[in-house]
Amino acid sequence: MRWQAPGYPYPADWGPAWKCTPCDAYIRCYAGTTRPLGSLADAETREWRGRAHAALDALWRDGAMSRSAAYRWMAEAMGLTEAEAHIGRMDPDACRRLIDLVDRRGD
């Protein structure tokens, strides 16, 4: 595990990251800290987390609900506590499940 300077692989104002070089997994940290925002993510996990964020963010960006209400809905729909309802901790299967729940919400 290697420490990466702020900005890797994100904009510099996003804070530093931890990276596992052999598997190319990384997680960025809260700005000014070494505390990770979630769990390490390889390329597949990063892809699915991005898709899950896009699906969930659509619920609040279109004004249908507030951002905090969208995260409360996610927690309830997935059977998580609000503290556990963090896409940055999800694996690809959980991300696919969230996307399906969001899609079914519109039906």
Protein backbone atom coordinates (compact mmCIF):
# COMPACT_ATOMS: atom_id res chain seq x y z
CA MET A 1 0.00 0.00 0.00
CA ARG A 2 1.43 3.35 -1.03
CA TRP A 3 0.53 6.86 0.02
CA GLN A 4 -0.35 9.11 -2.93
CA ALA A 5 -0.09 12.88 -2.87
CA PRO A 6 -3.28 14.94 -3.07
CA GLY A 7 -4.79 14.78 -6.49
CA TYR A 8 -3.96 11.19 -7.42
CA PRO A 9 -5.96 10.24 -9.45
CA TYR A 10 -8.42 13.04 -8.71
CA PRO A 11 -8.16 16.84 -8.78
CA ALA A 12 -5.68 18.18 -6.21
CA ASP A 13 -8.41 19.63 -4.00
CA TRP A 14 -9.89 16.15 -3.47
CA GLY A 15 -7.22 15.13 -0.98
CA PRO A 16 -4.63 12.35 -0.93
CA ALA A 17 -5.19 8.65 -1.58
CA TRP A 18 -3.99 5.20 -0.57
CA LYS A 19 -3.05 2.94 -3.49
CA CYS A 20 -2.31 -0.77 -3.86
CA THR A 21 0.05 -0.74 -6.83
CA PRO A 22 -0.12 -4.45 -7.78
CA CYS A 23 -3.92 -4.46 -8.16
CA ASP A 24 -4.38 -0.74 -9.01
CA ALA A 25 -6.91 -0.35 -6.20
CA TYR A 26 -7.09 3.00 -4.49
CA ILE A 27 -9.22 5.13 -2.20
CA ARG A 28 -8.95 8.82 -1.67
CA CYS A 29 -8.94 10.40 1.78
CA TYR A 30 -10.67 13.31 3.39
CA ALA A 31 -8.69 16.44 2.55
CA GLY A 32 -5.92 17.11 5.05
CA THR A 33 -6.14 13.64 6.60
CA THR A 34 -5.07 10.04 6.04
CA ARG A 35 -8.64 8.86 6.77
CA PRO A 36 -10.12 7.03 3.76
CA LEU A 37 -13.51 8.03 2.37
CA GLY A 38 -14.51 4.40 1.84
CA SER A 39 -12.81 1.12 0.98
CA LEU A 40 -10.16 0.28 -1.60
CA ALA A 41 -11.61 -0.08 -5.07
CA ASP A 42 -10.19 -1.84 -8.09
CA ALA A 43 -11.17 -0.81 -11.64
CA GLU A 44 -14.39 -2.85 -11.67
CA THR A 45 -15.49 -1.54 -8.29
CA ARG A 46 -14.73 2.06 -9.28
CA GLU A 47 -16.80 1.60 -12.43
CA TRP A 48 -19.80 0.26 -10.52
CA ARG A 49 -19.52 2.89 -7.79
CA GLY A 50 -19.59 5.57 -10.47
CA ARG A 51 -22.70 4.03 -11.98
CA ALA A 52 -24.35 3.74 -8.56
CA HIS A 53 -23.60 7.39 -7.81
CA ALA A 54 -25.05 8.44 -11.16
CA ALA A 55 -28.25 6.50 -10.46
CA LEU A 56 -28.67 7.78 -6.90
CA ASP A 57 -27.64 11.34 -7.72
CA ALA A 58 -30.36 11.52 -10.36
CA LEU A 59 -32.93 11.28 -7.55
CA TRP A 60 -31.85 14.53 -5.95
CA ARG A 61 -30.36 16.44 -8.87
CA ASP A 62 -33.71 16.56 -10.65
CA GLY A 63 -35.28 18.05 -7.53
CA ALA A 64 -37.42 15.01 -6.73
CA MET A 65 -35.90 14.97 -3.23
CA SER A 66 -33.02 16.44 -1.30
CA ARG A 67 -29.60 14.79 -1.33
CA SER A 68 -29.96 13.73 2.30
CA ALA A 69 -33.43 12.30 1.56
CA ALA A 70 -31.95 10.27 -1.32
CA TYR A 71 -29.34 8.77 1.00
CA ARG A 72 -32.00 8.03 3.64
CA TRP A 73 -34.07 6.32 0.93
CA MET A 74 -31.02 4.29 -0.13
CA ALA A 75 -30.39 3.19 3.46
CA GLU A 76 -33.97 2.07 3.94
CA ALA A 77 -34.28 0.40 0.52
CA MET A 78 -31.06 -1.56 1.04
CA GLY A 79 -31.67 -2.40 4.70
CA LEU A 80 -28.70 -0.35 5.89
CA THR A 81 -28.26 2.15 8.67
CA GLU A 82 -27.68 5.70 7.51
CA ALA A 83 -24.05 5.35 8.64
CA GLU A 84 -23.65 2.24 6.44
CA ALA A 85 -25.32 3.84 3.40
CA HIS A 86 -22.14 4.96 1.67
CA ILE A 87 -21.44 4.03 -1.97
CA GLY A 88 -17.72 4.31 -1.22
CA ARG A 89 -18.01 1.15 0.86
CA MET A 90 -20.03 -0.89 -1.65
CA ASP A 91 -18.79 -3.78 -3.74
CA PRO A 92 -19.96 -4.23 -7.36
CA ASP A 93 -22.89 -6.48 -6.35
CA ALA A 94 -24.23 -3.89 -3.89
CA CYS A 95 -23.83 -1.18 -6.53
CA ARG A 96 -25.81 -3.24 -9.06
CA ARG A 97 -28.50 -3.80 -6.43
CA LEU A 98 -28.73 -0.06 -5.73
CA ILE A 99 -29.01 0.74 -9.44
CA ASP A 100 -31.81 -1.83 -9.76
CA LEU A 101 -33.63 -0.33 -6.75
CA VAL A 102 -33.39 3.16 -8.22
CA ASP A 103 -34.62 1.90 -11.60
CA ARG A 104 -37.56 0.09 -10.00
CA ARG A 105 -38.43 3.17 -7.96
CA GLY A 106 -39.36 4.92 -11.21
CA ASP A 107 -41.65 2.12 -12.37
